Amino acid sequence: MPSSISSRKLIRILRKLGAQPVGRSASGTHEMWVREENGKKYLAPVILSKKDIPGGTLRSILRGLNISVKDFSANLGIVVIIVNH
């Protein structure tokens, strides 16, 4: 999982994983994204910024859209090794 990611790259990966934008905030700084899986809809706001999105915000977006770190990282081109302690 990257420590940060550009919103442009994040949006590209979210589209690959089946998420779609459904609306924009009044100020235009965020878009609401939806992802359907097994008949359920998952929603998350995604910030539209020229700055990188921090890792914690990225994890929150992934949680909101029910996307695992493993699936996200596979589309990012990074191998993630999860070790159980």
Protein backbone atom coordinates (compact mmCIF):
# COMPACT_ATOMS: atom_id res chain seq x y z
CA MET A 1 0.00 0.00 0.00
CA PRO A 2 1.53 3.31 -1.00
CA SER A 3 1.95 6.04 1.60
CA SER A 4 0.18 8.40 -0.84
CA ILE A 5 -1.27 8.34 -4.35
CA SER A 6 -2.41 10.92 -6.88
CA SER A 7 -6.18 11.29 -7.25
CA ARG A 8 -5.82 10.71 -11.00
CA LYS A 9 -4.12 7.34 -10.45
CA LEU A 10 -6.60 6.40 -7.71
CA ILE A 11 -9.55 7.13 -10.01
CA ARG A 12 -8.01 5.02 -12.79
CA ILE A 13 -7.68 2.04 -10.42
CA LEU A 14 -11.16 2.51 -8.92
CA ARG A 15 -12.63 2.32 -12.44
CA LYS A 16 -10.71 -0.92 -13.08
CA LEU A 17 -12.22 -2.33 -9.88
CA GLY A 18 -15.77 -1.48 -10.96
CA ALA A 19 -16.40 1.79 -9.12
CA GLN A 20 -18.13 4.72 -10.83
CA PRO A 21 -18.61 8.40 -9.94
CA VAL A 22 -22.21 9.31 -9.09
CA GLY A 23 -21.98 12.99 -8.19
CA ARG A 24 -19.81 15.90 -7.15
CA SER A 25 -19.89 18.04 -4.02
CA ALA A 26 -21.25 21.58 -4.26
CA SER A 27 -17.75 23.03 -3.99
CA GLY A 28 -16.42 20.55 -6.57
CA THR A 29 -13.59 19.26 -4.37
CA HIS A 30 -15.02 15.74 -3.92
CA GLU A 31 -16.84 13.15 -5.99
CA MET A 32 -19.06 10.42 -4.56
CA TRP A 33 -18.15 7.01 -5.94
CA VAL A 34 -20.26 3.86 -5.87
CA ARG A 35 -19.34 0.22 -6.29
CA GLU A 36 -21.84 -2.64 -6.45
CA GLU A 37 -20.93 -6.10 -5.24
CA ASN A 38 -23.28 -9.03 -4.58
CA GLY A 39 -26.33 -6.76 -4.85
CA LYS A 40 -25.00 -4.25 -2.29
CA LYS A 41 -23.92 -0.68 -3.02
CA TYR A 42 -20.86 0.80 -1.36
CA LEU A 43 -20.25 4.57 -1.34
CA ALA A 44 -17.21 6.72 -0.61
CA PRO A 45 -16.18 10.31 -1.25
CA VAL A 46 -12.99 10.75 -3.29
CA ILE A 47 -11.11 14.05 -3.09
CA LEU A 48 -10.24 15.70 -6.39
CA SER A 49 -6.92 17.38 -5.80
CA LYS A 50 -3.63 18.05 -7.49
CA LYS A 51 -1.95 17.01 -4.22
CA ASP A 52 -1.41 13.35 -3.36
CA ILE A 53 -4.03 11.56 -1.26
CA PRO A 54 -2.51 10.36 2.06
CA GLY A 55 -2.42 6.64 2.90
CA GLY A 56 -4.99 6.89 5.71
CA THR A 57 -7.48 8.64 3.43
CA LEU A 58 -6.82 6.02 0.75
CA ARG A 59 -7.57 3.19 3.21
CA SER A 60 -10.80 4.95 4.21
CA ILE A 61 -11.89 5.22 0.56
CA LEU A 62 -11.11 1.54 -0.03
CA ARG A 63 -13.06 0.54 3.09
CA GLY A 64 -16.04 2.62 1.97
CA LEU A 65 -16.05 0.93 -1.45
CA ASN A 66 -15.39 -2.55 0.02
CA ILE A 67 -12.11 -2.96 -1.88
CA SER A 68 -9.36 -4.99 -0.24
CA VAL A 69 -5.80 -3.71 -0.04
CA LYS A 70 -4.77 -6.86 -1.90
CA ASP A 71 -7.11 -6.15 -4.83
CA PHE A 72 -6.12 -2.50 -4.94
CA SER A 73 -2.41 -3.29 -4.81
CA ALA A 74 -2.77 -5.92 -7.55
CA ASN A 75 -4.09 -3.19 -9.84
CA LEU A 76 -1.41 -0.79 -8.68
CA GLY A 77 1.35 -3.17 -9.73
CA ILE A 78 2.69 -3.66 -6.20
CA VAL A 79 2.96 -6.99 -4.41
CA VAL A 80 1.69 -6.82 -0.83
CA ILE A 81 2.71 -9.47 1.68
CA ILE A 82 0.37 -9.73 4.65
CA VAL A 83 1.90 -11.37 7.70
CA ASN A 84 -0.31 -12.55 10.58
CA HIS A 85 1.22 -11.94 13.98
